[in-house]
Structure formats: C-alpha cells, structure tokens
Amino acid sequence: MNHRPKILAFAGSLRKDSLNKKLIKIAVKGAEEAGAKVTLIDLKDYPLPIYDQEIEDSEGLPENALKLKALMLEHDGFLIASPEYNSSISGVLKNVIDWTSRQAKPDEVYLCCFIDKVVSLMSASPGALGGLRGLVHVRSLFNNIYSLVLPKQKCIPEAHQAFGPDGNLKKSSDQNDVLNLGKQLSQFIEKVKSCPAESLNK
C-alpha cells in the first residue's frame, strides 16, 4: 500500500442508541479491512452552540469546533451515517459543518477542511425510504463545499428492525453493501493518493 488512507467516521446523531451509530460501525469495519486507518468519533463528545456569528466575532471558534476541524484536516476522507430529520440533514451535522467551515485564522483558506475530501454516505431510518431524502441534501451540501462524494450510498429502511443483537445487519446483502462502502472509500483514496501529481494534472 503506497498510501494508507486516513478516514474520519461519525454519525450525524447524538442519541446513544442511534441507528446511524450502529450503521457507521459496520462501514468502519469495511474500511479497516481494506487497510485504512479509521478514527471513529461521537459528535456528542464535541458539543457546540448553534452557529452564531456574534459568538464567532467575539470569541472566535469554540474549542470543539477547532478540535473537529483539526481532525478533518488530518484525514483524507469521511465516512458519514446521516439520519433524516424532516426529509433533510440533521441539525447536529449541519451545525458541525457550519462551525468547521469558518476560518480559524484570518489567513486560513476558506473551507480548507472540506476541500478535496472524499466522502461516503449512508443512512438508517425507521421509515420506508431509509433516510434517502435526507442524503440528497447531505450530498448536495458536501459537493458545494468542494468535497468529492462517492456515487454509491446505502439506505437502510425500517432500521429499528434491521439490526441483530450483535450489531450487524440481519440481511447479509445489506451488511455486505455497508462493509463495501467503507472498503470502496479506502480503495478510492489509496488510488488517488498514490497517483503522481503530474498525472492528475494532465
């Protein structure tokens, strides 16, 4: 392996028993099996106020926003399991993106922790569409902040019944699809990072 991919993984949910926290752990296994170094975090460990420019102007970025931004900069890509809230992105995930998109220093490149990051998306929901409508918005957002979102994604419908007591998905096809999301993200990053820079500019 010429470049060992570094992947940051998290769910866009705070709840302890979140279905998406269960889902992301499966994708992490897939990425690790493909050789990636994965950092799995819980956004509940990084509480943030709702983004407010007055807070930013008077105090700068909160400490947890700086910690998250540093983690994002250290990694090549993101594995994200995003719940669907009212057919859209969860509040906590949007707030994390809003804070970490801000400049920590005046000379810092705007959106620096998202530029050229490779992202793989998935969702689990009790609903019949498995969070599909929410992922449309998450995908659009990351594309607009200069990240590359891989085409394949996975949605798990009726997810409250989809997991076994071991944390794996009951349907082997679903389990393999989610594992493969992690593997494919790792493999894609490895290929891109291993290419000579001059070949990418041709």
Protein backbone atom coordinates (compact mmCIF):
# COMPACT_ATOMS: atom_id res chain seq x y z
CA MET A 1 0.00 0.00 0.00
CA ASN A 2 1.60 3.24 -1.19
CA HIS A 3 -0.66 5.46 0.89
CA ARG A 4 -2.62 4.20 3.87
CA PRO A 5 -5.91 6.09 3.77
CA LYS A 6 -6.92 8.02 6.88
CA ILE A 7 -10.67 8.17 7.33
CA LEU A 8 -12.74 10.08 9.88
CA ALA A 9 -16.05 8.32 10.67
CA PHE A 10 -19.08 9.59 12.54
CA ALA A 11 -22.87 9.58 12.64
CA GLY A 12 -24.88 12.78 12.39
CA SER A 13 -26.76 11.91 15.56
CA LEU A 14 -26.33 12.45 19.30
CA ARG A 15 -28.56 9.69 20.69
CA LYS A 16 -26.72 6.88 22.48
CA ASP A 17 -28.69 4.12 20.76
CA SER A 18 -28.76 5.85 17.37
CA LEU A 19 -29.40 3.53 14.44
CA ASN A 20 -26.84 5.52 12.46
CA LYS A 21 -24.18 4.99 15.13
CA LYS A 22 -24.76 1.26 14.67
CA LEU A 23 -24.55 1.62 10.92
CA ILE A 24 -21.30 3.59 10.86
CA LYS A 25 -19.53 0.90 12.90
CA ILE A 26 -20.17 -1.63 10.13
CA ALA A 27 -18.75 0.69 7.47
CA VAL A 28 -15.70 1.28 9.69
CA LYS A 29 -15.04 -2.48 9.69
CA GLY A 30 -15.08 -2.47 5.91
CA ALA A 31 -12.64 0.43 5.68
CA GLU A 32 -10.28 -1.18 8.17
CA GLU A 33 -10.41 -4.50 6.31
CA ALA A 34 -9.27 -2.59 3.22
CA GLY A 35 -6.29 -1.22 5.13
CA ALA A 36 -7.50 2.22 6.15
CA LYS A 37 -6.68 3.87 9.45
CA VAL A 38 -10.07 4.91 10.77
CA THR A 39 -10.85 7.37 13.55
CA LEU A 40 -14.42 6.82 14.80
CA ILE A 41 -15.80 9.73 16.81
CA ASP A 42 -19.10 10.55 18.52
CA LEU A 43 -20.35 14.09 17.89
CA LYS A 44 -21.88 14.02 21.36
CA ASP A 45 -18.30 14.34 22.67
CA TYR A 46 -17.94 17.66 20.82
CA PRO A 47 -20.90 19.81 21.93
CA LEU A 48 -21.27 23.11 20.10
CA PRO A 49 -23.61 26.08 20.36
CA ILE A 50 -25.85 26.76 17.38
CA TYR A 51 -23.75 28.72 14.91
CA ASP A 52 -23.94 32.43 15.74
CA GLN A 53 -21.67 34.95 14.05
CA GLU A 54 -21.76 37.14 17.15
CA ILE A 55 -20.13 34.28 19.10
CA GLU A 56 -17.55 33.87 16.36
CA ASP A 57 -16.83 37.61 16.23
CA SER A 58 -16.46 38.00 19.99
CA GLU A 59 -14.87 34.69 20.99
CA GLY A 60 -13.62 33.03 17.81
CA LEU A 61 -14.37 29.39 17.03
CA PRO A 62 -15.37 27.24 20.03
CA GLU A 63 -12.74 24.78 21.25
CA ASN A 64 -14.71 21.79 20.00
CA ALA A 65 -15.05 23.33 16.54
CA LEU A 66 -11.27 23.70 16.43
CA LYS A 67 -10.82 20.08 17.55
CA LEU A 68 -13.20 18.81 14.88
CA LYS A 69 -11.60 20.99 12.23
CA ALA A 70 -8.14 19.65 13.15
CA LEU A 71 -9.45 16.07 12.89
CA MET A 72 -10.96 16.76 9.48
CA LEU A 73 -7.73 18.28 8.20
CA GLU A 74 -5.75 15.24 9.37
CA HIS A 75 -7.88 12.78 7.39
CA ASP A 76 -8.26 12.06 3.69
CA GLY A 77 -11.97 11.35 3.74
CA PHE A 78 -15.12 10.97 5.78
CA LEU A 79 -17.50 8.07 6.41
CA ILE A 80 -20.82 9.58 7.46
CA ALA A 81 -24.06 7.93 8.54
CA SER A 82 -26.66 10.67 8.48
CA PRO A 83 -30.16 10.37 9.91
CA GLU A 84 -33.06 12.04 8.12
CA TYR A 85 -34.76 14.84 10.05
CA ASN A 86 -37.92 16.10 8.36
CA SER A 87 -36.68 14.91 4.97
CA SER A 88 -33.36 16.70 5.37
CA ILE A 89 -30.00 16.84 7.18
CA SER A 90 -29.85 16.54 10.98
CA GLY A 91 -29.35 19.72 12.97
CA VAL A 92 -26.19 18.49 14.68
CA LEU A 93 -24.47 17.55 11.40
CA LYS A 94 -25.38 20.86 9.76
CA ASN A 95 -24.14 22.76 12.81
CA VAL A 96 -20.82 20.90 12.82
CA ILE A 97 -20.35 21.76 9.15
CA ASP A 98 -21.31 25.40 9.74
CA TRP A 99 -18.77 25.84 12.54
CA THR A 100 -15.90 23.93 10.95
CA SER A 101 -16.36 25.78 7.66
CA ARG A 102 -15.37 29.04 9.35
CA GLN A 103 -11.82 30.38 9.30
CA ALA A 104 -9.83 29.68 12.46
CA LYS A 105 -7.23 32.26 11.39
CA PRO A 106 -7.54 35.24 9.01
CA ASP A 107 -5.05 33.74 6.52
CA GLU A 108 -6.67 30.29 6.51
CA VAL A 109 -8.19 29.04 3.26
CA TYR A 110 -11.97 29.14 3.48
CA LEU A 111 -13.49 25.63 3.68
CA CYS A 112 -9.98 24.16 3.97
CA CYS A 113 -11.10 21.11 5.98
CA PHE A 114 -13.55 20.07 3.24
CA ILE A 115 -11.62 20.78 0.03
CA ASP A 116 -10.78 17.58 -1.85
CA LYS A 117 -12.02 15.31 0.95
CA VAL A 118 -13.62 12.09 -0.27
CA VAL A 119 -16.97 11.33 1.36
CA SER A 120 -19.07 8.17 1.58
CA LEU A 121 -22.67 8.46 2.76
CA MET A 122 -25.18 6.11 4.33
CA SER A 123 -28.34 6.36 6.38
CA ALA A 124 -30.61 4.28 8.58
CA SER A 125 -34.19 5.22 9.35
CA PRO A 126 -37.37 3.58 10.68
CA GLY A 127 -39.12 4.96 7.59
CA ALA A 128 -39.71 3.17 4.32
CA LEU A 129 -37.03 5.11 2.40
CA GLY A 130 -34.26 4.59 4.93
CA GLY A 131 -33.22 8.26 5.06
CA LEU A 132 -32.85 8.65 1.28
CA ARG A 133 -34.41 12.12 1.17
CA GLY A 134 -32.00 13.40 3.79
CA LEU A 135 -28.97 12.12 1.90
CA VAL A 136 -29.97 14.17 -1.14
CA HIS A 137 -29.37 17.32 0.92
CA VAL A 138 -26.21 16.00 2.58
CA ARG A 139 -24.74 15.08 -0.81
CA SER A 140 -25.56 18.49 -2.27
CA LEU A 141 -24.03 20.28 0.71
CA PHE A 142 -20.71 18.42 0.55
CA ASN A 143 -20.49 18.86 -3.21
CA ASN A 144 -20.94 22.60 -2.75
CA ILE A 145 -18.09 22.84 -0.22
CA TYR A 146 -15.62 21.19 -2.60
CA SER A 147 -15.70 17.64 -1.27
CA LEU A 148 -15.99 14.64 -3.58
CA VAL A 149 -18.97 12.47 -2.64
CA LEU A 150 -18.74 8.92 -3.97
CA PRO A 151 -21.76 7.87 -6.07
CA LYS A 152 -22.63 4.72 -4.13
CA GLN A 153 -24.56 5.10 -0.91
CA LYS A 154 -26.73 2.87 1.25
CA CYS A 155 -30.05 3.48 2.97
CA ILE A 156 -31.50 1.02 5.49
CA PRO A 157 -35.31 1.26 5.75
CA GLU A 158 -37.23 0.02 8.81
CA ALA A 159 -33.87 0.17 10.55
CA HIS A 160 -35.36 -0.30 14.01
CA GLN A 161 -35.87 -3.94 12.95
CA ALA A 162 -32.78 -4.30 10.74
CA PHE A 163 -30.02 -4.91 13.29
CA GLY A 164 -29.29 -8.11 15.13
CA PRO A 165 -28.14 -8.27 18.79
CA ASP A 166 -24.51 -8.46 17.59
CA GLY A 167 -24.82 -5.03 15.94
CA ASN A 168 -24.69 -6.42 12.43
CA LEU A 169 -27.47 -6.09 9.87
CA LYS A 170 -29.76 -9.11 9.66
CA LYS A 171 -29.82 -9.11 5.87
CA SER A 172 -26.45 -10.28 4.57
CA SER A 173 -26.86 -8.21 1.40
CA ASP A 174 -27.30 -5.03 3.47
CA GLN A 175 -24.35 -5.96 5.68
CA ASN A 176 -22.11 -6.51 2.64
CA ASP A 177 -23.25 -3.27 0.99
CA VAL A 178 -22.32 -1.22 4.05
CA LEU A 179 -18.99 -3.02 4.50
CA ASN A 180 -18.28 -2.30 0.85
CA LEU A 181 -18.93 1.42 1.31
CA GLY A 182 -16.06 1.51 3.78
CA LYS A 183 -13.84 -0.64 1.56
CA GLN A 184 -14.53 1.40 -1.56
CA LEU A 185 -13.80 4.69 0.20
CA SER A 186 -10.47 3.31 1.39
CA GLN A 187 -9.59 1.92 -2.04
CA PHE A 188 -10.54 5.14 -3.83
CA ILE A 189 -8.42 7.29 -1.52
CA GLU A 190 -5.49 4.92 -1.86
CA LYS A 191 -5.63 5.08 -5.66
CA VAL A 192 -5.92 8.88 -5.76
CA LYS A 193 -3.19 9.50 -3.18
CA SER A 194 -0.85 7.01 -4.86
CA CYS A 195 -1.07 8.71 -8.27
CA PRO A 196 1.83 11.01 -9.19
CA ALA A 197 0.69 14.63 -9.03
CA GLU A 198 1.66 15.27 -12.63
CA SER A 199 -0.69 12.50 -13.86
CA LEU A 200 -3.64 14.14 -12.10
CA ASN A 201 -2.95 17.44 -13.87
CA LYS A 202 -2.97 16.00 -17.40
